Amino acid sequence: MDAQQVSEGFDLANPGDAVAMTELARRAYAHYIPVINAVPVPMTADYAAHIWRDDVWVLRSGTSLAASLVLIRHPDHLLIESIAVDPEEQGKGRGRQLLDWARRRAADFGLSEIRLYTNVLMTENRAWYQRAGFAETHEEQRGDKRIVHMRLTM
């Protein structure tokens, strides 16, 4: 995609967005490396594969990506696989825009529940999702990481 064609707003991600999404995730999640003593999963995700098989959206700001949202549709819920907001865009309501978009997509699919999971040590994320209406449902050990599952019923 020609950089001049990029304008502010939600777009369905296309294969040309995969590299920019990886770079965005690295910027958005880098500060968590010392917190969880590991590289957060979104930093190493295969965004090209997600774009091919999942419901992936980007929020553009000028010629760059301000935020991205990876949604995976299940029969009974919509899973937020990842949500990333560029550090330069944080505090501008971008995350809330992404959550509102996830709610809309769930409604489009006829689903009344959105789920997500995050590392238990990412306390900022957990608190933010709780303020947005998500409830923690349970914790799970995945390899050397402990994750918490969260759910929003609409």
Protein backbone atom coordinates (compact mmCIF):
# COMPACT_ATOMS: atom_id res chain seq x y z
CA MET A 1 0.00 0.00 0.00
CA ASP A 2 1.22 3.45 -0.88
CA ALA A 3 1.91 5.46 2.29
CA GLN A 4 -0.09 8.34 0.81
CA GLN A 5 -3.21 6.16 0.77
CA VAL A 6 -3.14 5.66 4.52
CA SER A 7 -5.63 7.85 6.36
CA GLU A 8 -6.86 7.91 9.93
CA GLY A 9 -9.51 5.29 10.74
CA PHE A 10 -10.13 1.57 11.14
CA ASP A 11 -9.16 -0.66 8.27
CA LEU A 12 -9.26 -4.38 7.83
CA ALA A 13 -5.59 -5.33 7.93
CA ASN A 14 -4.02 -6.47 4.69
CA PRO A 15 -0.85 -8.52 4.10
CA GLY A 16 1.14 -5.32 3.65
CA ASP A 17 0.40 -4.40 7.28
CA ALA A 18 2.08 -7.47 8.82
CA VAL A 19 5.56 -5.96 9.26
CA ALA A 20 4.17 -2.69 10.64
CA MET A 21 2.00 -4.67 13.08
CA THR A 22 5.05 -6.57 14.32
CA GLU A 23 6.94 -3.32 14.84
CA LEU A 24 3.92 -1.79 16.58
CA ALA A 25 3.63 -4.78 18.94
CA ARG A 26 7.32 -4.53 19.78
CA ARG A 27 6.96 -0.86 20.71
CA ALA A 28 3.71 -1.40 22.61
CA TYR A 29 4.86 -4.39 24.67
CA ALA A 30 8.61 -3.76 25.15
CA HIS A 31 8.14 -2.25 28.61
CA TYR A 32 6.68 -5.55 29.83
CA ILE A 33 9.85 -7.59 29.19
CA PRO A 34 11.41 -6.78 32.59
CA VAL A 35 8.03 -7.09 34.31
CA ILE A 36 7.31 -10.65 33.15
CA ASN A 37 10.96 -11.62 32.57
CA ALA A 38 10.06 -12.81 29.08
CA VAL A 39 9.12 -11.51 25.65
CA PRO A 40 5.34 -10.96 25.51
CA VAL A 41 3.62 -13.22 22.97
CA PRO A 42 2.30 -10.35 20.79
CA MET A 43 5.90 -9.28 20.11
CA THR A 44 6.61 -12.56 18.30
CA ALA A 45 3.20 -13.27 16.76
CA ASP A 46 2.89 -14.19 13.10
CA TYR A 47 0.75 -11.26 11.98
CA ALA A 48 0.79 -12.36 8.35
CA ALA A 49 -0.90 -15.61 9.41
CA HIS A 50 -3.37 -13.74 11.63
CA ILE A 51 -4.27 -11.42 8.75
CA TRP A 52 -4.86 -14.43 6.53
CA ARG A 53 -7.11 -16.39 8.92
CA ASP A 54 -8.50 -14.05 11.60
CA ASP A 55 -10.40 -10.77 11.95
CA VAL A 56 -7.54 -8.25 12.12
CA TRP A 57 -7.96 -4.49 12.22
CA VAL A 58 -5.61 -1.55 12.28
CA LEU A 59 -6.17 2.02 13.34
CA ARG A 60 -4.19 4.35 11.15
CA SER A 61 -2.84 7.75 12.06
CA GLY A 62 -1.36 9.56 9.13
CA THR A 63 1.05 7.20 7.40
CA SER A 64 1.63 4.88 10.37
CA LEU A 65 -0.28 2.42 12.52
CA ALA A 66 -1.55 3.86 15.78
CA ALA A 67 -3.03 0.58 17.00
CA SER A 68 -3.97 -2.94 16.00
CA LEU A 69 -6.51 -5.52 17.05
CA VAL A 70 -6.43 -9.26 16.40
CA LEU A 71 -9.77 -11.01 16.92
CA ILE A 72 -10.42 -14.74 16.66
CA ARG A 73 -14.01 -15.86 16.17
CA HIS A 74 -15.17 -18.91 18.11
CA PRO A 75 -18.68 -20.42 18.02
CA ASP A 76 -19.65 -18.95 21.41
CA HIS A 77 -17.34 -15.94 21.84
CA LEU A 78 -14.91 -13.53 20.23
CA LEU A 79 -11.33 -13.76 21.50
CA ILE A 80 -9.12 -10.70 21.63
CA GLU A 81 -5.83 -12.35 20.72
CA SER A 82 -3.92 -9.10 20.88
CA ILE A 83 -4.43 -5.40 21.17
CA ALA A 84 -1.52 -3.01 20.65
CA VAL A 85 -1.36 0.76 20.89
CA ASP A 86 1.72 2.70 19.87
CA PRO A 87 3.28 4.35 22.96
CA GLU A 88 3.00 7.72 21.18
CA GLU A 89 -0.76 7.16 20.88
CA GLN A 90 -1.41 5.94 24.43
CA GLY A 91 -3.62 8.12 26.57
CA LYS A 92 -5.64 9.27 23.54
CA GLY A 93 -8.47 6.75 23.88
CA ARG A 94 -7.08 4.40 21.22
CA GLY A 95 -7.43 1.33 23.42
CA ARG A 96 -11.03 2.22 24.18
CA GLN A 97 -11.66 2.63 20.43
CA LEU A 98 -10.29 -0.86 19.86
CA LEU A 99 -12.46 -2.36 22.59
CA ASP A 100 -15.53 -0.60 21.20
CA TRP A 101 -14.64 -2.01 17.78
CA ALA A 102 -14.29 -5.52 19.28
CA ARG A 103 -17.77 -5.13 20.80
CA ARG A 104 -19.13 -4.12 17.41
CA ARG A 105 -17.47 -7.07 15.69
CA ALA A 106 -18.87 -9.47 18.32
CA ALA A 107 -22.35 -8.05 17.67
CA ASP A 108 -21.77 -8.38 13.90
CA PHE A 109 -21.02 -12.08 14.46
CA GLY A 110 -24.05 -12.52 16.75
CA LEU A 111 -21.84 -13.17 19.78
CA SER A 112 -22.58 -11.87 23.26
CA GLU A 113 -19.24 -12.58 24.89
CA ILE A 114 -15.69 -11.34 24.39
CA ARG A 115 -12.77 -13.13 26.02
CA LEU A 116 -9.08 -12.42 26.37
CA TYR A 117 -6.10 -13.52 28.39
CA THR A 118 -3.02 -11.75 29.64
CA ASN A 119 0.00 -12.47 31.80
CA VAL A 120 -0.90 -12.21 35.50
CA LEU A 121 2.08 -9.90 36.04
CA MET A 122 0.71 -7.35 33.57
CA THR A 123 -1.26 -5.63 36.30
CA GLU A 124 -1.77 -2.42 34.29
CA ASN A 125 -3.50 -4.39 31.54
CA ARG A 126 -5.61 -6.34 34.01
CA ALA A 127 -6.81 -3.18 35.74
CA TRP A 128 -7.52 -1.46 32.42
CA TYR A 129 -9.62 -4.37 31.17
CA GLN A 130 -11.50 -4.52 34.47
CA ARG A 131 -12.32 -0.81 34.19
CA ALA A 132 -13.63 -1.58 30.70
CA GLY A 133 -16.05 -4.16 32.12
CA PHE A 134 -14.08 -7.40 31.85
CA ALA A 135 -14.17 -9.85 34.75
CA GLU A 136 -11.36 -12.25 35.58
CA THR A 137 -12.60 -15.82 35.31
CA HIS A 138 -9.60 -18.02 36.12
CA GLU A 139 -5.83 -18.35 35.99
CA GLU A 140 -3.85 -20.94 34.07
CA GLN A 141 -0.23 -22.04 33.90
CA ARG A 142 1.10 -22.09 30.31
CA GLY A 143 4.64 -23.31 30.27
CA ASP A 144 6.67 -20.92 32.39
CA LYS A 145 3.98 -18.21 32.28
CA ARG A 146 0.88 -17.73 34.39
CA ILE A 147 -2.03 -16.16 32.54
CA VAL A 148 -5.39 -14.82 33.64
CA HIS A 149 -8.51 -15.27 31.52
CA MET A 150 -11.03 -12.45 31.36
CA ARG A 151 -14.55 -12.19 29.97
CA LEU A 152 -16.95 -9.44 28.98
CA THR A 153 -20.61 -10.33 28.61
CA MET A 154 -22.53 -7.90 26.48
